[in-house]
Protein backbone atom coordinates (compact mmCIF):
# COMPACT_ATOMS: atom_id res chain seq x y z
CA MET A 1 -2.35 -120.45 7.48
CA GLU A 2 -0.82 -118.98 4.72
CA ARG A 3 2.82 -117.81 3.85
CA ARG A 4 3.70 -115.07 1.00
CA VAL A 5 6.62 -115.35 -1.80
CA ARG A 6 7.75 -112.81 -3.49
CA ALA A 7 9.63 -113.68 -7.02
CA SER A 8 10.20 -111.95 -10.79
CA GLY A 9 9.63 -112.80 -13.71
CA HIS A 10 11.89 -113.63 -16.38
CA GLU A 11 12.17 -113.23 -20.30
CA ASN A 12 12.74 -117.15 -20.61
CA VAL A 13 9.25 -117.93 -18.77
CA SER A 14 7.45 -120.10 -21.08
CA ALA A 15 5.04 -122.18 -18.93
CA GLU A 16 4.63 -125.24 -20.96
CA HIS A 17 5.29 -128.17 -18.54
CA ALA A 18 2.39 -130.53 -18.28
CA SER A 19 2.56 -131.60 -14.91
CA THR A 20 4.54 -129.15 -12.40
CA PHE A 21 5.24 -125.51 -11.74
CA GLU A 22 8.07 -124.36 -10.29
CA VAL A 23 9.20 -120.76 -8.39
CA THR A 24 12.84 -120.62 -7.96
CA SER A 25 15.70 -118.70 -5.99
CA ASP A 26 18.22 -118.67 -8.97
CA ASP A 27 18.58 -115.27 -10.84
CA TRP A 28 18.88 -116.96 -13.92
CA LEU A 29 16.47 -119.48 -16.43
CA THR A 30 17.21 -120.97 -19.67
CA PRO A 31 14.42 -122.22 -22.13
CA ALA A 32 14.55 -125.17 -21.19
CA GLY A 33 13.04 -124.43 -17.71
CA ASP A 34 9.61 -124.65 -18.92
CA CYS A 35 7.91 -125.19 -15.82
CA ILE A 36 9.59 -122.23 -13.85
CA LEU A 37 7.20 -119.28 -13.38
CA ALA A 38 9.49 -116.86 -11.63
CA VAL A 39 12.97 -116.66 -10.57
CA GLU A 40 14.83 -114.72 -7.50
CA ALA A 41 12.38 -115.82 -4.99
CA ASP A 42 12.50 -114.30 -1.51
CA THR A 43 11.79 -117.40 0.35
CA VAL A 44 12.48 -121.34 -0.48
CA PRO A 45 10.92 -124.60 1.18
CA ALA A 46 13.74 -124.54 3.90
CA ASP A 47 12.53 -121.46 4.99
CA LEU A 48 8.93 -122.17 6.15
CA ASP A 49 8.32 -122.55 9.81
CA SER A 50 8.13 -126.11 11.36
CA GLU A 51 4.25 -124.88 11.94
CA PHE A 52 3.31 -124.68 8.33
CA VAL A 53 5.19 -127.22 7.15
CA GLU A 54 3.92 -129.88 9.67
CA ALA A 55 0.01 -128.67 8.60
CA CYS A 56 0.92 -129.53 4.76
CA GLN A 57 2.11 -133.22 5.97
CA SER A 58 -1.21 -134.54 5.89
CA HIS A 59 -2.96 -136.49 2.91
CA GLU A 60 -6.40 -134.25 4.37
CA ALA A 61 -4.55 -131.30 4.19
CA THR A 62 -5.79 -128.93 1.15
CA ILE A 63 -3.03 -126.57 0.13
CA THR A 64 -3.32 -123.81 -2.13
CA VAL A 65 -1.28 -121.32 -4.19
CA THR A 66 -2.21 -118.27 -5.51
CA LEU A 67 -0.43 -116.72 -8.39
CA ARG A 68 -0.74 -112.49 -8.68
CA ALA A 69 1.24 -110.72 -11.43
CA ASP A 70 0.68 -107.69 -13.35
CA GLY A 71 -3.21 -107.51 -12.22
CA HIS A 72 -3.77 -111.52 -13.43
CA GLU A 73 -4.68 -114.04 -10.84
CA GLU A 74 -4.60 -117.82 -10.86
CA THR A 75 -5.34 -120.66 -8.10
CA ILE A 76 -3.85 -123.67 -7.94
CA THR A 77 -5.30 -126.17 -5.44
CA GLY A 78 -3.40 -129.54 -4.56
CA ARG A 79 -3.08 -131.83 -1.32
CA GLY A 80 -0.75 -132.42 1.29
CA HIS A 81 1.33 -135.41 1.85
CA PRO A 82 3.52 -136.94 4.91
CA ASP A 83 6.66 -137.23 2.76
CA LEU A 84 6.72 -133.26 2.23
CA SER A 85 10.13 -132.36 4.06
CA PHE A 86 10.24 -128.68 2.68
CA GLU A 87 14.26 -129.17 2.89
CA ASN A 88 15.20 -127.67 -0.59
CA ASP A 89 16.85 -124.29 -0.53
CA ARG A 90 16.43 -123.01 -4.10
CA SER A 91 13.16 -124.02 -5.39
CA MET A 92 9.88 -125.22 -4.64
CA VAL A 93 7.60 -127.27 -6.71
CA GLY A 94 3.83 -128.28 -7.35
CA ARG A 95 3.00 -131.39 -9.16
CA THR A 96 -0.07 -132.79 -10.52
CA SER A 97 1.53 -136.19 -9.47
CA ASP A 98 1.92 -137.81 -6.00
CA TYR A 99 5.62 -137.79 -6.31
CA VAL A 100 7.62 -136.08 -3.46
CA ASP A 101 10.97 -134.79 -3.46
CA ASP A 102 12.78 -131.92 -1.31
CA ARG A 103 11.65 -129.39 -3.62
CA THR A 104 7.62 -130.33 -3.48
CA VAL A 105 4.89 -128.22 -1.74
CA MET A 106 1.97 -129.91 -3.04
CA VAL A 107 0.81 -133.06 -4.92
CA GLY A 108 -2.19 -133.79 -6.80
CA ALA A 109 -2.22 -130.19 -8.33
CA ASP A 110 -5.32 -129.26 -10.52
CA LYS A 111 -2.64 -127.29 -12.71
CA ALA A 112 0.34 -127.33 -13.94
CA ALA A 113 2.64 -124.48 -15.89
CA ALA A 114 0.85 -125.47 -19.00
CA ASP A 115 -2.69 -124.80 -17.93
CA LEU A 116 -2.15 -121.30 -16.63
CA ASP A 117 -3.70 -118.21 -17.92
CA ARG A 118 -1.79 -117.04 -21.13
CA ASP A 119 -1.93 -113.62 -19.77
CA LEU A 120 -0.26 -114.49 -16.34
CA VAL A 121 2.24 -116.05 -18.28
CA ALA A 122 3.10 -113.41 -20.72
CA ALA A 123 3.27 -111.05 -17.69
CA LEU A 124 5.91 -113.36 -16.19
CA ALA A 125 7.62 -113.41 -19.22
CA ALA A 126 7.60 -109.63 -19.26
CA GLY A 127 9.56 -109.66 -16.56
CA ALA A 128 6.32 -108.74 -13.94
CA ASP A 129 6.69 -109.22 -10.26
CA LEU A 130 5.08 -112.50 -8.65
CA GLU A 131 3.38 -112.77 -5.64
CA CYS A 132 2.69 -116.36 -4.64
CA VAL A 133 0.67 -117.11 -1.73
CA LEU A 134 0.60 -120.74 -0.13
CA ARG A 135 -2.26 -121.49 1.93
CA VAL A 136 -2.82 -124.74 3.63
CA GLU A 137 -6.10 -126.09 5.32
CA ALA A 138 -6.06 -129.14 7.44
């Protein structure tokens, strides 16, 4: 089961955060937002249907996020958690830790923003469009 999110890169994308990555529906980004990969996302966690959310609410679920921008692609693999609520209406966050809040879409991620391919990050900082594919396998 998969869902697609489209967003836009921004000149302040630095992708330097060591434990999270984020895609937001906000239309702005300050240099302090070092986990944010893209802005103006067309889908937020609260938009995702209950079937997808329920599939993610298992410790056994494998969740992958594939990021594509300007010919570059990166896949991040993590897992689900019973406390994932997908209620946030602004941004989605992948975490290398087990911390969960209403923005969290995966825990135990094998990569954070700082681990991403720097060519992908440079494309996003140059304003490239981002396609973010969320996939869950129970």
